[in-house]
Amino acid sequence: MIAGQGTTAKELIEEAGPLDRLYVCLGGGGLTSGSALAARALSPACQVYGVEPEAGDDGRQSLRAGHIVQIPVPVTIADGAQTQHLGHYTFGIIRRDVTDILTVSDAQLVAAMRFFAERMKMVVEPTGCLAFAGACADAAAIKGQRVGIIISGGNVDLARYAALLAT
């Protein structure tokens, strides 16, 4: 699972070249840990940032505590990141290879969804917007750097999608 999800970052780095920073959606940790492994192998100087919803910051808490922290099921529009804890294998990789874990609000996710819809003509589910929302929140720190952002998932009910964009 981890290696398979890491092919996303592998393909990005192979196409774009070495990166300074890579932002990745964080739920259970598979995509983030796989991406961190790919970045470590192909772009060793790249700093990897996981991004999760504010309401579900089990990954951030775990990274800071040095052990897996379990939380109640988070209430967030990022339903793919409503995880209660990272996996044992994913946490080990994240702890070693991820620079930091950032959090974003549901309002920031809606703003990212709106950006993708209006400017890119793309339907991206809230969870898939996590990395982009995190990079936007980190805009001052990334100025002038080569930045990769993993955008994943368009699995969203269109009525729900429209309702979120209408808020």
N, C-alpha and C. Protein backbone atom coordinates (compact mmCIF):
# COMPACT_ATOMS: atom_id res chain seq x y z
N MET A 1 0.82 -1.18 0.00
CA MET A 1 0.00 0.00 0.00
C MET A 1 0.88 1.26 0.00
N ILE A 2 1.83 1.31 0.89
CA ILE A 2 2.71 2.49 1.00
C ILE A 2 3.49 2.71 -0.29
N ALA A 3 4.11 1.66 -0.79
CA ALA A 3 4.91 1.77 -2.02
C ALA A 3 4.04 2.17 -3.19
N GLY A 4 2.85 1.60 -3.29
CA GLY A 4 1.95 1.92 -4.40
C GLY A 4 1.53 3.38 -4.37
N GLN A 5 1.21 3.89 -3.19
CA GLN A 5 0.81 5.29 -3.10
C GLN A 5 2.00 6.22 -3.32
N GLY A 6 3.18 5.75 -3.01
CA GLY A 6 4.38 6.56 -3.22
C GLY A 6 4.70 6.80 -4.68
N THR A 7 4.10 6.01 -5.59
CA THR A 7 4.36 6.23 -7.01
C THR A 7 3.86 7.60 -7.47
N THR A 8 2.93 8.17 -6.75
CA THR A 8 2.44 9.52 -7.09
C THR A 8 3.59 10.52 -7.02
N ALA A 9 4.29 10.53 -5.90
CA ALA A 9 5.43 11.44 -5.75
C ALA A 9 6.58 11.05 -6.67
N LYS A 10 6.78 9.76 -6.86
CA LYS A 10 7.84 9.29 -7.75
C LYS A 10 7.63 9.86 -9.15
N GLU A 11 6.43 9.73 -9.67
CA GLU A 11 6.14 10.25 -11.02
C GLU A 11 6.27 11.76 -11.08
N LEU A 12 5.83 12.45 -10.03
CA LEU A 12 5.94 13.91 -9.99
C LEU A 12 7.40 14.33 -10.05
N ILE A 13 8.24 13.73 -9.22
CA ILE A 13 9.66 14.11 -9.17
C ILE A 13 10.37 13.72 -10.46
N GLU A 14 10.04 12.57 -11.01
CA GLU A 14 10.67 12.18 -12.28
C GLU A 14 10.31 13.15 -13.40
N GLU A 15 9.10 13.68 -13.38
CA GLU A 15 8.68 14.61 -14.43
C GLU A 15 9.17 16.04 -14.17
N ALA A 16 9.09 16.49 -12.93
CA ALA A 16 9.40 17.89 -12.60
C ALA A 16 10.85 18.11 -12.18
N GLY A 17 11.52 17.06 -11.74
CA GLY A 17 12.88 17.21 -11.24
C GLY A 17 12.89 17.39 -9.72
N PRO A 18 14.06 17.58 -9.16
CA PRO A 18 14.18 17.71 -7.70
C PRO A 18 13.32 18.85 -7.16
N LEU A 19 12.78 18.63 -5.97
CA LEU A 19 11.91 19.61 -5.32
C LEU A 19 12.54 20.09 -4.02
N ASP A 20 12.17 21.31 -3.63
CA ASP A 20 12.56 21.83 -2.33
C ASP A 20 11.57 21.38 -1.26
N ARG A 21 10.28 21.37 -1.65
CA ARG A 21 9.21 20.99 -0.72
C ARG A 21 8.16 20.18 -1.46
N LEU A 22 7.55 19.27 -0.71
CA LEU A 22 6.45 18.47 -1.23
C LEU A 22 5.35 18.45 -0.18
N TYR A 23 4.14 18.83 -0.59
CA TYR A 23 2.97 18.83 0.29
C TYR A 23 2.07 17.67 -0.10
N VAL A 24 1.63 16.91 0.92
CA VAL A 24 0.87 15.68 0.68
C VAL A 24 -0.30 15.61 1.65
N CYS A 25 -1.46 15.17 1.15
CA CYS A 25 -2.63 14.94 1.99
C CYS A 25 -2.30 13.86 3.02
N LEU A 26 -2.82 14.03 4.23
CA LEU A 26 -2.56 13.04 5.28
C LEU A 26 -3.86 12.58 5.92
N GLY A 27 -4.11 11.28 5.82
CA GLY A 27 -5.23 10.63 6.51
C GLY A 27 -4.64 9.52 7.35
N GLY A 28 -4.65 8.31 6.80
CA GLY A 28 -4.07 7.17 7.50
C GLY A 28 -2.55 7.10 7.39
N GLY A 29 -2.00 7.84 6.45
CA GLY A 29 -0.55 7.94 6.34
C GLY A 29 0.08 7.22 5.16
N GLY A 30 -0.70 6.45 4.40
CA GLY A 30 -0.14 5.70 3.28
C GLY A 30 0.43 6.59 2.20
N LEU A 31 -0.34 7.57 1.75
CA LEU A 31 0.12 8.47 0.69
C LEU A 31 1.30 9.31 1.17
N THR A 32 1.22 9.81 2.39
CA THR A 32 2.29 10.65 2.92
C THR A 32 3.58 9.86 3.11
N SER A 33 3.49 8.68 3.70
CA SER A 33 4.71 7.90 3.93
C SER A 33 5.30 7.40 2.61
N GLY A 34 4.46 6.97 1.68
CA GLY A 34 4.96 6.54 0.37
C GLY A 34 5.61 7.68 -0.38
N SER A 35 5.00 8.86 -0.30
CA SER A 35 5.57 10.04 -0.96
C SER A 35 6.90 10.44 -0.31
N ALA A 36 6.97 10.31 1.00
CA ALA A 36 8.21 10.64 1.71
C ALA A 36 9.33 9.69 1.29
N LEU A 37 9.01 8.41 1.12
CA LEU A 37 10.02 7.45 0.67
C LEU A 37 10.51 7.79 -0.73
N ALA A 38 9.57 8.14 -1.61
CA ALA A 38 9.95 8.50 -2.98
C ALA A 38 10.81 9.75 -2.99
N ALA A 39 10.43 10.74 -2.21
CA ALA A 39 11.20 11.99 -2.15
C ALA A 39 12.59 11.73 -1.59
N ARG A 40 12.67 10.90 -0.57
CA ARG A 40 13.97 10.59 0.04
C ARG A 40 14.91 9.95 -0.98
N ALA A 41 14.36 9.09 -1.83
CA ALA A 41 15.17 8.38 -2.82
C ALA A 41 15.52 9.25 -4.02
N LEU A 42 14.58 10.07 -4.48
CA LEU A 42 14.76 10.80 -5.74
C LEU A 42 15.11 12.28 -5.59
N SER A 43 14.82 12.84 -4.44
CA SER A 43 15.08 14.26 -4.21
C SER A 43 15.42 14.43 -2.72
N PRO A 44 16.58 13.93 -2.32
CA PRO A 44 16.92 13.83 -0.89
C PRO A 44 16.85 15.13 -0.09
N ALA A 45 17.04 16.26 -0.74
CA ALA A 45 16.99 17.53 -0.01
C ALA A 45 15.56 18.05 0.16
N CYS A 46 14.60 17.38 -0.44
CA CYS A 46 13.20 17.81 -0.40
C CYS A 46 12.63 17.66 1.01
N GLN A 47 11.97 18.70 1.46
CA GLN A 47 11.26 18.66 2.73
C GLN A 47 9.82 18.23 2.44
N VAL A 48 9.33 17.22 3.15
CA VAL A 48 7.99 16.70 2.93
C VAL A 48 7.09 17.15 4.08
N TYR A 49 5.91 17.67 3.70
CA TYR A 49 4.93 18.15 4.67
C TYR A 49 3.62 17.40 4.47
N GLY A 50 3.15 16.75 5.52
CA GLY A 50 1.82 16.17 5.50
C GLY A 50 0.83 17.26 5.89
N VAL A 51 -0.36 17.20 5.32
CA VAL A 51 -1.38 18.20 5.66
C VAL A 51 -2.67 17.47 6.00
N GLU A 52 -3.20 17.75 7.18
CA GLU A 52 -4.44 17.12 7.64
C GLU A 52 -5.42 18.17 8.14
N PRO A 53 -6.69 17.80 8.31
CA PRO A 53 -7.66 18.78 8.80
C PRO A 53 -7.38 19.17 10.26
N GLU A 54 -7.69 20.41 10.61
CA GLU A 54 -7.51 20.87 11.99
C GLU A 54 -8.22 19.95 12.97
N ALA A 55 -9.43 19.55 12.62
CA ALA A 55 -10.24 18.73 13.52
C ALA A 55 -9.69 17.32 13.68
N GLY A 56 -8.82 16.90 12.80
CA GLY A 56 -8.28 15.54 12.83
C GLY A 56 -6.78 15.54 12.80
N ASP A 57 -6.16 16.14 13.80
CA ASP A 57 -4.71 16.32 13.77
C ASP A 57 -3.96 15.21 14.51
N ASP A 58 -4.41 13.97 14.36
CA ASP A 58 -3.73 12.85 15.01
C ASP A 58 -2.30 12.70 14.53
N GLY A 59 -2.06 12.96 13.26
CA GLY A 59 -0.71 12.85 12.71
C GLY A 59 0.22 13.89 13.31
N ARG A 60 -0.24 15.11 13.37
CA ARG A 60 0.58 16.19 13.96
C ARG A 60 0.87 15.90 15.43
N GLN A 61 -0.16 15.49 16.14
CA GLN A 61 0.03 15.17 17.56
C GLN A 61 1.02 14.01 17.72
N SER A 62 0.89 13.01 16.87
CA SER A 62 1.78 11.85 16.95
C SER A 62 3.23 12.23 16.65
N LEU A 63 3.43 13.03 15.61
CA LEU A 63 4.79 13.45 15.25
C LEU A 63 5.43 14.22 16.40
N ARG A 64 4.68 15.09 17.02
CA ARG A 64 5.22 15.88 18.11
C ARG A 64 5.46 15.05 19.38
N ALA A 65 4.59 14.08 19.62
CA ALA A 65 4.70 13.25 20.83
C ALA A 65 5.75 12.15 20.67
N GLY A 66 6.06 11.78 19.42
CA GLY A 66 7.02 10.71 19.19
C GLY A 66 6.42 9.32 19.27
N HIS A 67 5.10 9.25 19.36
CA HIS A 67 4.38 7.97 19.37
C HIS A 67 2.98 8.20 18.80
N ILE A 68 2.33 7.13 18.40
CA ILE A 68 1.02 7.24 17.77
C ILE A 68 -0.01 7.70 18.80
N VAL A 69 -0.70 8.77 18.46
CA VAL A 69 -1.76 9.32 19.30
C VAL A 69 -3.09 8.99 18.64
N GLN A 70 -4.03 8.50 19.43
CA GLN A 70 -5.37 8.20 18.92
C GLN A 70 -6.33 9.28 19.37
N ILE A 71 -7.20 9.72 18.43
CA ILE A 71 -8.18 10.76 18.71
C ILE A 71 -9.58 10.22 18.37
N PRO A 72 -10.64 10.89 18.84
CA PRO A 72 -11.98 10.51 18.40
C PRO A 72 -12.14 10.79 16.90
N VAL A 73 -13.12 10.17 16.27
CA VAL A 73 -13.36 10.41 14.84
C VAL A 73 -13.58 11.91 14.64
N PRO A 74 -12.75 12.54 13.81
CA PRO A 74 -12.86 13.99 13.64
C PRO A 74 -14.08 14.39 12.80
N VAL A 75 -14.61 15.55 13.12
CA VAL A 75 -15.71 16.11 12.36
C VAL A 75 -15.11 17.12 11.39
N THR A 76 -15.07 16.74 10.12
CA THR A 76 -14.47 17.57 9.08
C THR A 76 -15.11 17.23 7.74
N ILE A 77 -15.07 18.16 6.81
CA ILE A 77 -15.57 17.86 5.46
C ILE A 77 -14.61 16.96 4.70
N ALA A 78 -13.39 16.82 5.18
CA ALA A 78 -12.38 15.96 4.55
C ALA A 78 -12.62 14.52 5.03
N ASP A 79 -13.65 13.89 4.49
CA ASP A 79 -14.06 12.57 4.98
C ASP A 79 -13.00 11.50 4.77
N GLY A 80 -12.13 11.66 3.81
CA GLY A 80 -11.05 10.70 3.61
C GLY A 80 -9.94 10.82 4.64
N ALA A 81 -10.01 11.84 5.47
CA ALA A 81 -9.01 12.05 6.52
C ALA A 81 -9.66 11.99 7.90
N GLN A 82 -10.78 11.31 8.00
CA GLN A 82 -11.45 11.16 9.30
C GLN A 82 -10.88 9.94 10.03
N THR A 83 -9.59 9.88 10.08
CA THR A 83 -8.90 8.77 10.73
C THR A 83 -8.65 9.11 12.19
N GLN A 84 -8.55 8.07 12.99
CA GLN A 84 -8.32 8.28 14.42
C GLN A 84 -6.85 8.17 14.81
N HIS A 85 -6.07 7.54 13.95
CA HIS A 85 -4.64 7.41 14.24
C HIS A 85 -3.90 6.94 12.99
N LEU A 86 -2.62 7.18 12.98
CA LEU A 86 -1.76 6.69 11.91
C LEU A 86 -1.48 5.21 12.12
N GLY A 87 -1.11 4.53 11.06
CA GLY A 87 -0.72 3.14 11.16
C GLY A 87 0.70 3.01 11.69
N HIS A 88 1.00 1.84 12.22
CA HIS A 88 2.33 1.59 12.79
C HIS A 88 3.43 1.77 11.74
N TYR A 89 3.25 1.18 10.57
CA TYR A 89 4.27 1.27 9.53
C TYR A 89 4.37 2.68 8.96
N THR A 90 3.22 3.30 8.72
CA THR A 90 3.24 4.66 8.16
C THR A 90 3.86 5.64 9.15
N PHE A 91 3.56 5.48 10.42
CA PHE A 91 4.11 6.41 11.41
C PHE A 91 5.64 6.34 11.46
N GLY A 92 6.19 5.15 11.39
CA GLY A 92 7.64 5.01 11.43
C GLY A 92 8.32 5.78 10.30
N ILE A 93 7.74 5.69 9.12
CA ILE A 93 8.30 6.42 7.97
C ILE A 93 8.08 7.92 8.12
N ILE A 94 6.87 8.30 8.52
CA ILE A 94 6.56 9.72 8.71
C ILE A 94 7.49 10.33 9.76
N ARG A 95 7.69 9.62 10.84
CA ARG A 95 8.55 10.14 11.91
C ARG A 95 9.98 10.37 11.41
N ARG A 96 10.46 9.50 10.55
CA ARG A 96 11.83 9.60 10.05
C ARG A 96 11.96 10.60 8.89
N ASP A 97 10.98 10.62 7.97
CA ASP A 97 11.17 11.32 6.70
C ASP A 97 10.29 12.54 6.44
N VAL A 98 9.34 12.83 7.31
CA VAL A 98 8.47 13.99 7.09
C VAL A 98 8.96 15.14 7.95
N THR A 99 9.10 16.30 7.32
CA THR A 99 9.60 17.48 8.01
C THR A 99 8.64 17.97 9.07
N ASP A 100 7.35 18.06 8.70
CA ASP A 100 6.33 18.54 9.64
C ASP A 100 4.96 18.15 9.11
N ILE A 101 3.99 18.27 9.98
CA ILE A 101 2.60 18.06 9.61
C ILE A 101 1.85 19.35 9.92
N LEU A 102 1.19 19.86 8.89
CA LEU A 102 0.43 21.10 9.00
C LEU A 102 -1.06 20.76 9.06
N THR A 103 -1.86 21.70 9.56
CA THR A 103 -3.31 21.51 9.56
C THR A 103 -3.98 22.67 8.86
N VAL A 104 -5.14 22.39 8.28
CA VAL A 104 -5.94 23.43 7.63
C VAL A 104 -7.39 23.28 8.08
N SER A 105 -8.10 24.39 8.01
CA SER A 105 -9.51 24.41 8.41
C SER A 105 -10.41 23.94 7.27
N ASP A 106 -11.63 23.61 7.61
CA ASP A 106 -12.60 23.26 6.57
C ASP A 106 -12.85 24.45 5.64
N ALA A 107 -12.81 25.67 6.17
CA ALA A 107 -12.98 26.86 5.32
C ALA A 107 -11.85 26.96 4.30
N GLN A 108 -10.62 26.62 4.70
CA GLN A 108 -9.50 26.64 3.76
C GLN A 108 -9.68 25.56 2.69
N LEU A 109 -10.26 24.42 3.06
CA LEU A 109 -10.53 23.36 2.09
C LEU A 109 -11.57 23.80 1.07
N VAL A 110 -12.62 24.49 1.53
CA VAL A 110 -13.64 24.99 0.61
C VAL A 110 -13.02 26.02 -0.34
N ALA A 111 -12.16 26.88 0.18
CA ALA A 111 -11.49 27.87 -0.69
C ALA A 111 -10.64 27.17 -1.74
N ALA A 112 -9.98 26.09 -1.36
CA ALA A 112 -9.17 25.33 -2.32
C ALA A 112 -10.07 24.66 -3.36
N MET A 113 -11.18 24.07 -2.92
CA MET A 113 -12.13 23.46 -3.85
C MET A 113 -12.63 24.49 -4.86
N ARG A 114 -12.93 25.68 -4.35
CA ARG A 114 -13.41 26.76 -5.22
C ARG A 114 -12.34 27.16 -6.23
N PHE A 115 -11.09 27.26 -5.78
CA PHE A 115 -9.99 27.58 -6.69
C PHE A 115 -9.91 26.56 -7.81
N PHE A 116 -9.91 25.28 -7.47
CA PHE A 116 -9.82 24.24 -8.49
C PHE A 116 -10.99 24.29 -9.45
N ALA A 117 -12.19 24.54 -8.93
CA ALA A 117 -13.38 24.58 -9.79
C ALA A 117 -13.34 25.79 -10.72
N GLU A 118 -13.05 26.95 -10.17
CA GLU A 118 -13.10 28.19 -10.95
C GLU A 118 -11.91 28.36 -11.89
N ARG A 119 -10.73 28.10 -11.41
CA ARG A 119 -9.52 28.39 -12.18
C ARG A 119 -8.99 27.23 -12.99
N MET A 120 -9.17 26.02 -12.48
CA MET A 120 -8.59 24.84 -13.13
C MET A 120 -9.64 23.97 -13.81
N LYS A 121 -10.91 24.25 -13.51
CA LYS A 121 -12.03 23.45 -14.06
C LYS A 121 -11.89 21.99 -13.64
N MET A 122 -11.52 21.78 -12.37
CA MET A 122 -11.33 20.45 -11.81
C MET A 122 -12.25 20.26 -10.60
N VAL A 123 -12.81 19.07 -10.48
CA VAL A 123 -13.56 18.70 -9.29
C VAL A 123 -12.60 17.94 -8.38
N VAL A 124 -12.31 18.52 -7.23
CA VAL A 124 -11.41 17.89 -6.27
C VAL A 124 -12.15 17.79 -4.95
N GLU A 125 -12.17 16.60 -4.39
CA GLU A 125 -12.86 16.39 -3.11
C GLU A 125 -12.11 17.12 -2.00
N PRO A 126 -12.79 17.39 -0.87
CA PRO A 126 -12.13 18.12 0.22
C PRO A 126 -10.81 17.49 0.68
N THR A 127 -10.78 16.17 0.84
CA THR A 127 -9.54 15.52 1.28
C THR A 127 -8.43 15.73 0.26
N GLY A 128 -8.77 15.70 -1.01
CA GLY A 128 -7.79 15.89 -2.07
C GLY A 128 -7.22 17.30 -2.10
N CYS A 129 -7.90 18.23 -1.45
CA CYS A 129 -7.45 19.63 -1.40
C CYS A 129 -6.52 19.92 -0.23
N LEU A 130 -6.33 18.98 0.66
CA LEU A 130 -5.53 19.24 1.86
C LEU A 130 -4.14 19.79 1.54
N ALA A 131 -3.41 19.13 0.67
CA ALA A 131 -2.02 19.55 0.39
C ALA A 131 -1.97 20.95 -0.21
N PHE A 132 -2.88 21.23 -1.15
CA PHE A 132 -2.91 22.56 -1.77
C PHE A 132 -3.25 23.63 -0.73
N ALA A 133 -4.23 23.36 0.12
CA ALA A 133 -4.61 24.32 1.16
C ALA A 133 -3.44 24.56 2.11
N GLY A 134 -2.70 23.50 2.42
CA GLY A 134 -1.53 23.65 3.29
C GLY A 134 -0.43 24.47 2.64
N ALA A 135 -0.20 24.24 1.36
CA ALA A 135 0.81 25.03 0.64
C ALA A 135 0.39 26.50 0.57
N CYS A 136 -0.89 26.75 0.34
CA CYS A 136 -1.39 28.14 0.31
C CYS A 136 -1.17 28.82 1.66
N ALA A 137 -1.44 28.10 2.73
CA ALA A 137 -1.24 28.66 4.07
C ALA A 137 0.23 28.90 4.36
N ASP A 138 1.10 28.19 3.68
CA ASP A 138 2.56 28.26 3.88
C ASP A 138 3.22 29.12 2.79
N ALA A 139 2.43 29.94 2.10
CA ALA A 139 2.89 30.67 0.91
C ALA A 139 4.16 31.49 1.14
N ALA A 140 4.26 32.16 2.26
CA ALA A 140 5.44 33.00 2.51
C ALA A 140 6.71 32.14 2.58
N ALA A 141 6.61 30.95 3.14
CA ALA A 141 7.78 30.08 3.30
C ALA A 141 8.22 29.44 2.00
N ILE A 142 7.32 29.34 1.01
CA ILE A 142 7.68 28.61 -0.21
C ILE A 142 8.05 29.52 -1.38
N LYS A 143 8.00 30.81 -1.16
CA LYS A 143 8.31 31.74 -2.24
C LYS A 143 9.70 31.47 -2.80
N GLY A 144 9.77 31.31 -4.12
CA GLY A 144 11.05 31.09 -4.81
C GLY A 144 11.55 29.65 -4.76
N GLN A 145 10.78 28.74 -4.19
CA GLN A 145 11.22 27.36 -4.10
C GLN A 145 10.51 26.49 -5.14
N ARG A 146 11.08 25.33 -5.41
CA ARG A 146 10.44 24.33 -6.29
C ARG A 146 9.54 23.48 -5.39
N VAL A 147 8.25 23.60 -5.62
CA VAL A 147 7.26 22.98 -4.73
C VAL A 147 6.39 22.00 -5.50
N GLY A 148 6.21 20.83 -4.92
CA GLY A 148 5.28 19.84 -5.46
C GLY A 148 4.10 19.72 -4.53
N ILE A 149 2.93 19.53 -5.11
CA ILE A 149 1.70 19.38 -4.32
C ILE A 149 0.94 18.18 -4.88
N ILE A 150 0.66 17.21 -4.01
CA ILE A 150 -0.11 16.04 -4.42
C ILE A 150 -1.59 16.36 -4.23
N ILE A 151 -2.31 16.40 -5.33
CA ILE A 151 -3.76 16.65 -5.32
C ILE A 151 -4.42 15.34 -5.69
N SER A 152 -5.24 14.81 -4.79
CA SER A 152 -5.79 13.49 -5.07
C SER A 152 -7.28 13.43 -4.76
N GLY A 153 -8.01 12.82 -5.64
CA GLY A 153 -9.39 12.47 -5.36
C GLY A 153 -10.43 13.43 -5.87
N GLY A 154 -11.35 12.87 -6.63
CA GLY A 154 -12.51 13.62 -7.10
C GLY A 154 -13.78 12.88 -6.72
N ASN A 155 -13.69 12.02 -5.71
CA ASN A 155 -14.83 11.21 -5.29
C ASN A 155 -15.70 11.99 -4.31
N VAL A 156 -16.56 12.81 -4.86
CA VAL A 156 -17.44 13.62 -4.01
C VAL A 156 -18.81 13.66 -4.66
N ASP A 157 -19.82 13.52 -3.84
CA ASP A 157 -21.19 13.65 -4.32
C ASP A 157 -21.39 15.07 -4.85
N LEU A 158 -21.89 15.19 -6.08
CA LEU A 158 -21.98 16.52 -6.70
C LEU A 158 -22.91 17.46 -5.95
N ALA A 159 -23.99 16.94 -5.36
CA ALA A 159 -24.88 17.80 -4.58
C ALA A 159 -24.15 18.34 -3.35
N ARG A 160 -23.39 17.48 -2.69
CA ARG A 160 -22.60 17.93 -1.53
C ARG A 160 -21.52 18.91 -1.95
N TYR A 161 -20.88 18.62 -3.05
CA TYR A 161 -19.84 19.50 -3.60
C TYR A 161 -20.41 20.89 -3.86
N ALA A 162 -21.55 20.96 -4.53
CA ALA A 162 -22.19 22.23 -4.83
C ALA A 162 -22.57 22.97 -3.55
N ALA A 163 -23.08 22.23 -2.57
CA ALA A 163 -23.46 22.86 -1.30
C ALA A 163 -22.24 23.44 -0.59
N LEU A 164 -21.13 22.73 -0.63
CA LEU A 164 -19.91 23.24 0.02
C LEU A 164 -19.41 24.50 -0.68
N LEU A 165 -19.46 24.51 -2.01
CA LEU A 165 -19.00 25.68 -2.76
C LEU A 165 -19.93 26.87 -2.58
N ALA A 166 -21.19 26.61 -2.26
CA ALA A 166 -22.17 27.69 -2.06
C ALA A 166 -22.02 28.38 -0.72
N THR A 167 -21.24 27.79 0.20
CA THR A 167 -21.09 28.40 1.53
C THR A 167 -20.15 29.57 1.52
